Amino acid sequence: MPAAPPDYFRYFPHSREAVSWGVAVTAVGYTHIRPHTPYPPGRHPKGHHFEWSRGRVLEALQVVLITAGRGEFEQRGSRPQRVEAGDAFMLFPGFWHRYRPDPATGWDESWVELAGDAVDRLCQKKILSPGTPVLRGAVDAGLDARLEAVHARAREPLPGFDAELAVQGLAVLAAWKQAGLVRQRKTRLARAVAAAERHFAEHLAEPVNIALLARQLGVAYSHFRAAFKAHTGYAPWQYVVHLRLAQARRQLAASDATLDEVAGRLGFSSAFHLSAAFKRACGVSPAAWRRRLGARK
């Protein structure tokens, strides 16, 4: 096993430019905690240091990856959870929490803190949820590699706001979310949803029989429909219409094709039906949308 990197931490000031980007790394670090030593170390600034008996509440979001050792993590409204090497946990803004290594083993912790509108939206939309604050097998999901990229950049930062560091921090959150999706894809229904998405994209203009497709994929229609909406946010037929309308916008913008021609290419029964679906989705008719686009050129 490679040697642990040297301990370090950095706290970054808030930047006006970070507001435009919507995300910023506000703190980052790596710490090796030896067995039977005090925790947390007393080197962090006020607002980040905490005592086990009192816990802590942060203003920003943190991801903490345990790369060696074991310990426990507790969050408001949930019981303490055991965490081991390879696990990660997320600390949500405004949520009381506390965590510590097992004195018998100590632990190594790799962490990053992020703030900004993009992070707030991910939490508000429950893409990142306090209901699932612990990620098992985070190293296997590649979270360690994402964090290492953050550490490499943070150890030699640019002056002022570092956009690349901010994006690398956001990639840590993407890796966290992706790890959960990988687990979901292992289910039969999830594989059926992925296959259906490919089918719809590859046969965009062809007639669609959702019930028949579900049978061909070996799943019950009612279960398939519910799983499809849970994964994509759309019912299957809505998803098909969404794809067709996206392609219609591209064709209307890039060619002089008539509405009848576009409708025929994309599986709409008539220009009228395309126009009605377009107006429901976009708020204007295809002709008005095309005129508006032309006025911007």
Protein backbone atom coordinates (compact mmCIF):
# COMPACT_ATOMS: atom_id res chain seq x y z
CA MET A 1 0.00 0.00 0.00
CA PRO A 2 1.43 3.46 -0.90
CA ALA A 3 2.48 5.73 1.93
CA ALA A 4 -0.06 8.25 3.16
CA PRO A 5 0.49 11.80 1.85
CA PRO A 6 1.70 14.42 4.32
CA ASP A 7 -0.88 16.21 6.45
CA TYR A 8 -2.06 19.60 5.24
CA PHE A 9 -5.13 21.79 5.09
CA ARG A 10 -6.03 25.02 3.34
CA TYR A 11 -8.92 27.43 3.78
CA PHE A 12 -9.76 29.72 0.87
CA PRO A 13 -11.41 33.16 1.16
CA HIS A 14 -14.75 33.83 -0.50
CA SER A 15 -14.38 35.32 -3.98
CA ARG A 16 -16.69 37.47 -6.09
CA GLU A 17 -15.74 35.41 -9.13
CA ALA A 18 -16.89 32.26 -7.35
CA VAL A 19 -20.43 33.70 -7.30
CA SER A 20 -20.42 33.78 -11.12
CA TRP A 21 -19.22 30.18 -11.33
CA GLY A 22 -21.71 29.01 -8.73
CA VAL A 23 -19.20 26.81 -6.91
CA ALA A 24 -15.97 27.21 -4.98
CA VAL A 25 -13.69 25.01 -2.93
CA THR A 26 -13.62 26.77 0.43
CA ALA A 27 -11.41 24.29 2.32
CA VAL A 28 -9.52 21.07 1.69
CA GLY A 29 -7.14 18.81 3.57
CA TYR A 30 -5.68 15.42 4.42
CA THR A 31 -4.98 14.23 7.97
CA HIS A 32 -3.38 11.10 9.43
CA ILE A 33 -4.73 10.43 12.92
CA ARG A 34 -2.55 8.04 14.90
CA PRO A 35 -4.14 5.56 17.32
CA HIS A 36 -4.90 6.91 20.80
CA THR A 37 -4.33 10.56 19.89
CA PRO A 38 -6.73 13.49 20.46
CA TYR A 39 -9.34 14.16 17.80
CA PRO A 40 -9.93 16.41 16.07
CA PRO A 41 -6.52 18.06 15.86
CA GLY A 42 -6.52 21.54 17.36
CA ARG A 43 -5.09 23.29 14.32
CA HIS A 44 -8.31 24.21 12.48
CA PRO A 45 -9.91 27.67 12.68
CA LYS A 46 -12.92 28.46 14.81
CA GLY A 47 -16.10 27.31 13.08
CA HIS A 48 -14.46 24.11 11.84
CA HIS A 49 -13.03 22.76 15.07
CA PHE A 50 -15.45 20.82 17.29
CA GLU A 51 -15.73 18.71 20.43
CA TRP A 52 -17.34 15.28 20.32
CA SER A 53 -19.70 16.12 23.18
CA ARG A 54 -21.12 19.12 21.33
CA GLY A 55 -20.76 18.22 17.66
CA ARG A 56 -20.77 20.88 14.97
CA VAL A 57 -22.85 22.63 12.29
CA LEU A 58 -21.17 23.88 9.09
CA GLU A 59 -22.30 26.56 6.64
CA ALA A 60 -20.84 24.69 3.64
CA LEU A 61 -20.92 21.11 2.37
CA GLN A 62 -18.05 18.70 3.03
CA VAL A 63 -17.12 15.28 1.68
CA VAL A 64 -14.87 13.20 3.96
CA LEU A 65 -13.23 10.01 2.66
CA ILE A 66 -11.68 7.56 5.13
CA THR A 67 -8.67 5.94 3.45
CA ALA A 68 -7.34 3.96 6.44
CA GLY A 69 -8.61 2.93 9.87
CA ARG A 70 -12.20 3.04 11.08
CA GLY A 71 -14.51 5.09 13.28
CA GLU A 72 -18.05 6.41 13.61
CA PHE A 73 -20.22 9.13 12.10
CA GLU A 74 -23.45 10.61 13.45
CA GLN A 75 -25.84 13.13 11.93
CA ARG A 76 -28.91 14.88 13.30
CA GLY A 77 -31.91 12.58 13.20
CA SER A 78 -29.96 9.35 12.67
CA ARG A 79 -28.10 6.80 14.73
CA PRO A 80 -24.28 6.62 14.77
CA GLN A 81 -22.90 4.67 11.81
CA ARG A 82 -19.66 2.74 11.63
CA VAL A 83 -17.33 3.91 8.85
CA GLU A 84 -14.28 2.04 7.62
CA ALA A 85 -11.44 2.50 5.16
CA GLY A 86 -12.95 3.03 1.72
CA ASP A 87 -16.13 4.67 3.03
CA ALA A 88 -17.04 8.35 2.71
CA PHE A 89 -19.59 10.57 4.39
CA MET A 90 -21.12 13.91 3.49
CA LEU A 91 -21.64 16.80 5.91
CA PHE A 92 -24.61 18.95 4.88
CA PRO A 93 -24.91 22.69 5.52
CA GLY A 94 -27.00 23.42 8.57
CA PHE A 95 -27.02 19.80 9.77
CA TRP A 96 -25.59 18.95 13.17
CA HIS A 97 -23.01 16.15 12.98
CA ARG A 98 -19.99 14.61 14.64
CA TYR A 99 -17.47 11.93 13.75
CA ARG A 100 -14.30 10.42 15.14
CA PRO A 101 -11.82 7.60 14.56
CA ASP A 102 -11.70 4.45 16.66
CA PRO A 103 -8.92 5.12 19.20
CA ALA A 104 -7.55 1.63 18.57
CA THR A 105 -6.91 2.28 14.86
CA GLY A 106 -6.94 6.01 14.25
CA TRP A 107 -7.74 6.87 10.63
CA ASP A 108 -6.68 8.81 7.56
CA GLU A 109 -9.19 11.37 6.30
CA SER A 110 -9.21 13.11 2.94
CA TRP A 111 -11.73 15.92 2.64
CA VAL A 112 -12.98 18.87 0.64
CA GLU A 113 -15.47 21.64 1.44
CA LEU A 114 -17.59 23.34 -1.22
CA ALA A 115 -20.04 26.23 -1.32
CA GLY A 116 -22.03 28.13 -3.93
CA ASP A 117 -25.35 28.22 -5.76
CA ALA A 118 -24.58 25.02 -7.69
CA VAL A 119 -24.00 23.13 -4.45
CA ASP A 120 -27.15 24.62 -2.91
CA ARG A 121 -29.23 23.49 -5.91
CA LEU A 122 -27.91 19.93 -5.68
CA CYS A 123 -29.02 19.83 -2.05
CA GLN A 124 -32.37 21.55 -2.64
CA LYS A 125 -33.22 19.13 -5.48
CA LYS A 126 -32.23 16.18 -3.25
CA ILE A 127 -29.59 15.09 -5.75
CA LEU A 128 -27.39 15.12 -2.67
CA SER A 129 -29.55 14.13 0.29
CA PRO A 130 -29.00 14.08 4.06
CA GLY A 131 -31.05 10.90 3.98
CA THR A 132 -28.04 9.03 2.55
CA PRO A 133 -24.98 10.68 4.10
CA VAL A 134 -22.67 7.63 3.99
CA LEU A 135 -21.24 6.11 0.80
CA ARG A 136 -19.89 2.59 1.18
CA GLY A 137 -17.10 1.52 -1.14
CA ALA A 138 -16.33 5.09 -2.16
CA VAL A 139 -12.76 4.21 -3.17
CA ASP A 140 -14.05 1.54 -5.56
CA ALA A 141 -16.31 4.21 -7.08
CA GLY A 142 -13.30 6.45 -7.83
CA LEU A 143 -13.90 9.09 -5.19
CA ASP A 144 -10.29 8.87 -4.03
CA ALA A 145 -8.99 9.76 -7.49
CA ARG A 146 -11.26 12.81 -7.66
CA LEU A 147 -10.10 13.96 -4.25
CA GLU A 148 -6.45 13.42 -5.17
CA ALA A 149 -6.93 15.76 -8.13
CA VAL A 150 -8.32 18.38 -5.75
CA HIS A 151 -5.37 17.93 -3.36
CA ALA A 152 -2.81 18.19 -6.16
CA ARG A 153 -4.33 21.48 -7.28
CA ALA A 154 -4.87 22.86 -3.78
CA ARG A 155 -1.26 22.27 -2.71
CA GLU A 156 -0.09 24.62 -5.47
CA PRO A 157 -3.03 27.03 -5.87
CA LEU A 158 -3.24 29.97 -8.23
CA PRO A 159 -3.65 33.44 -6.72
CA GLY A 160 -7.27 34.48 -6.35
CA PHE A 161 -10.19 32.29 -7.43
CA ASP A 162 -9.09 29.02 -9.06
CA ALA A 163 -11.83 27.92 -11.48
CA GLU A 164 -10.15 24.60 -12.22
CA LEU A 165 -10.00 23.75 -8.51
CA ALA A 166 -13.70 24.62 -8.21
CA VAL A 167 -14.62 22.33 -11.10
CA GLN A 168 -12.50 19.52 -9.65
CA GLY A 169 -14.39 19.95 -6.38
CA LEU A 170 -17.67 19.66 -8.26
CA ALA A 171 -16.33 16.47 -9.87
CA VAL A 172 -16.07 14.97 -6.37
CA LEU A 173 -19.82 15.48 -5.96
CA ALA A 174 -20.44 13.98 -9.41
CA ALA A 175 -18.41 10.90 -8.45
CA TRP A 176 -20.45 10.55 -5.26
CA LYS A 177 -23.71 10.67 -7.22
CA GLN A 178 -22.38 8.38 -9.94
CA ALA A 179 -21.47 5.75 -7.35
CA GLY A 180 -25.13 5.50 -6.36
CA LEU A 181 -26.22 5.24 -10.00
CA VAL A 182 -23.76 2.42 -10.65
CA ARG A 183 -25.39 0.42 -7.88
CA GLN A 184 -28.85 1.14 -9.29
CA ARG A 185 -27.80 -0.05 -12.75
CA LYS A 186 -27.20 -3.51 -11.39
CA THR A 187 -30.93 -4.10 -10.99
CA ARG A 188 -32.97 -5.68 -13.77
CA LEU A 189 -35.33 -2.72 -14.01
CA ALA A 190 -32.46 -0.24 -14.21
CA ARG A 191 -30.90 -2.20 -17.07
CA ALA A 192 -34.27 -2.18 -18.82
CA VAL A 193 -34.54 1.60 -18.45
CA ALA A 194 -31.04 2.09 -19.90
CA ALA A 195 -31.87 -0.20 -22.83
CA ALA A 196 -35.12 1.69 -23.46
CA GLU A 197 -33.30 5.04 -23.48
CA ARG A 198 -30.93 3.70 -26.14
CA HIS A 199 -33.85 2.27 -28.15
CA PHE A 200 -35.75 5.56 -28.12
CA ALA A 201 -32.67 7.52 -29.22
CA GLU A 202 -31.81 5.10 -32.03
CA HIS A 203 -35.40 4.74 -33.32
CA LEU A 204 -36.54 8.31 -32.79
CA ALA A 205 -38.99 8.57 -35.71
CA GLU A 206 -40.46 5.07 -35.46
CA PRO A 207 -43.84 4.22 -33.89
CA VAL A 208 -43.59 3.52 -30.17
CA ASN A 209 -45.32 0.71 -28.29
CA ILE A 210 -44.21 1.10 -24.68
CA ALA A 211 -46.00 -2.01 -23.39
CA LEU A 212 -44.47 -4.17 -26.13
CA LEU A 213 -41.00 -2.76 -25.46
CA ALA A 214 -41.36 -3.56 -21.74
CA ARG A 215 -42.27 -7.17 -22.58
CA GLN A 216 -39.29 -7.43 -24.94
CA LEU A 217 -37.07 -6.20 -22.12
CA GLY A 218 -38.51 -8.81 -19.78
CA VAL A 219 -40.16 -6.50 -17.24
CA ALA A 220 -43.75 -5.73 -16.26
CA TYR A 221 -45.10 -2.57 -17.90
CA SER A 222 -46.28 -0.94 -14.65
CA HIS A 223 -42.93 -1.52 -12.95
CA PHE A 224 -41.03 -0.41 -16.05
CA ARG A 225 -43.02 2.83 -16.33
CA ALA A 226 -42.47 3.70 -12.67
CA ALA A 227 -38.74 2.90 -12.84
CA PHE A 228 -38.32 4.87 -16.07
CA LYS A 229 -39.87 7.98 -14.53
CA ALA A 230 -37.80 7.58 -11.36
CA HIS A 231 -34.56 7.38 -13.37
CA THR A 232 -35.23 10.01 -16.06
CA GLY A 233 -37.90 12.31 -14.61
CA TYR A 234 -40.20 11.51 -17.56
CA ALA A 235 -42.81 8.87 -18.28
CA PRO A 236 -41.65 6.81 -21.32
CA TRP A 237 -43.88 8.55 -23.87
CA GLN A 238 -43.01 11.99 -22.45
CA TYR A 239 -39.34 11.06 -22.84
CA VAL A 240 -39.87 10.19 -26.52
CA VAL A 241 -41.67 13.49 -27.13
CA HIS A 242 -38.88 15.34 -25.31
CA LEU A 243 -36.26 13.74 -27.60
CA ARG A 244 -38.29 14.49 -30.72
CA LEU A 245 -38.85 18.12 -29.76
CA ALA A 246 -35.15 18.61 -29.00
CA GLN A 247 -34.35 17.32 -32.48
CA ALA A 248 -37.13 19.48 -33.97
CA ARG A 249 -35.55 22.59 -32.45
CA ARG A 250 -32.20 21.63 -33.96
CA GLN A 251 -33.71 21.12 -37.41
CA LEU A 252 -35.74 24.33 -37.28
CA ALA A 253 -32.63 26.27 -36.28
CA ALA A 254 -30.23 24.70 -38.77
CA SER A 255 -32.37 24.32 -41.92
CA ASP A 256 -35.19 25.82 -43.96
CA ALA A 257 -37.25 22.62 -43.72
CA THR A 258 -41.00 23.12 -43.50
CA LEU A 259 -42.92 22.04 -40.43
CA ASP A 260 -44.48 19.20 -42.45
CA GLU A 261 -41.01 17.95 -43.38
CA VAL A 262 -39.72 18.11 -39.81
CA ALA A 263 -42.84 16.37 -38.51
CA GLY A 264 -42.42 13.55 -41.03
CA ARG A 265 -38.77 13.04 -40.15
CA LEU A 266 -39.44 12.82 -36.41
CA GLY A 267 -42.47 10.56 -36.22
CA PHE A 268 -45.19 13.16 -35.62
CA SER A 269 -48.44 12.31 -37.39
CA SER A 270 -48.78 15.84 -38.78
CA ALA A 271 -47.41 19.36 -38.61
CA PHE A 272 -50.41 20.23 -36.44
CA HIS A 273 -49.47 17.65 -33.80
CA LEU A 274 -45.83 18.76 -33.86
CA SER A 275 -46.88 22.40 -33.47
CA ALA A 276 -49.21 21.59 -30.56
CA ALA A 277 -46.55 19.56 -28.72
CA PHE A 278 -43.92 22.24 -29.42
CA LYS A 279 -46.11 25.02 -28.03
CA ARG A 280 -46.92 23.02 -24.87
CA ALA A 281 -43.22 22.42 -24.22
CA CYS A 282 -41.72 25.74 -25.33
CA GLY A 283 -44.53 28.21 -24.82
CA VAL A 284 -44.48 29.43 -28.45
CA SER A 285 -45.28 27.94 -31.84
CA PRO A 286 -42.46 26.55 -34.01
CA ALA A 287 -42.89 29.46 -36.43
CA ALA A 288 -42.63 32.04 -33.64
CA TRP A 289 -39.63 30.23 -32.15
CA ARG A 290 -37.90 30.24 -35.56
CA ARG A 291 -38.61 33.96 -36.07
CA ARG A 292 -37.28 34.77 -32.61
CA LEU A 293 -34.12 32.77 -33.33
CA GLY A 294 -33.63 34.57 -36.64
CA ALA A 295 -33.95 37.96 -34.96
CA ARG A 296 -31.00 37.14 -32.71
CA LYS A 297 -28.65 36.41 -35.62
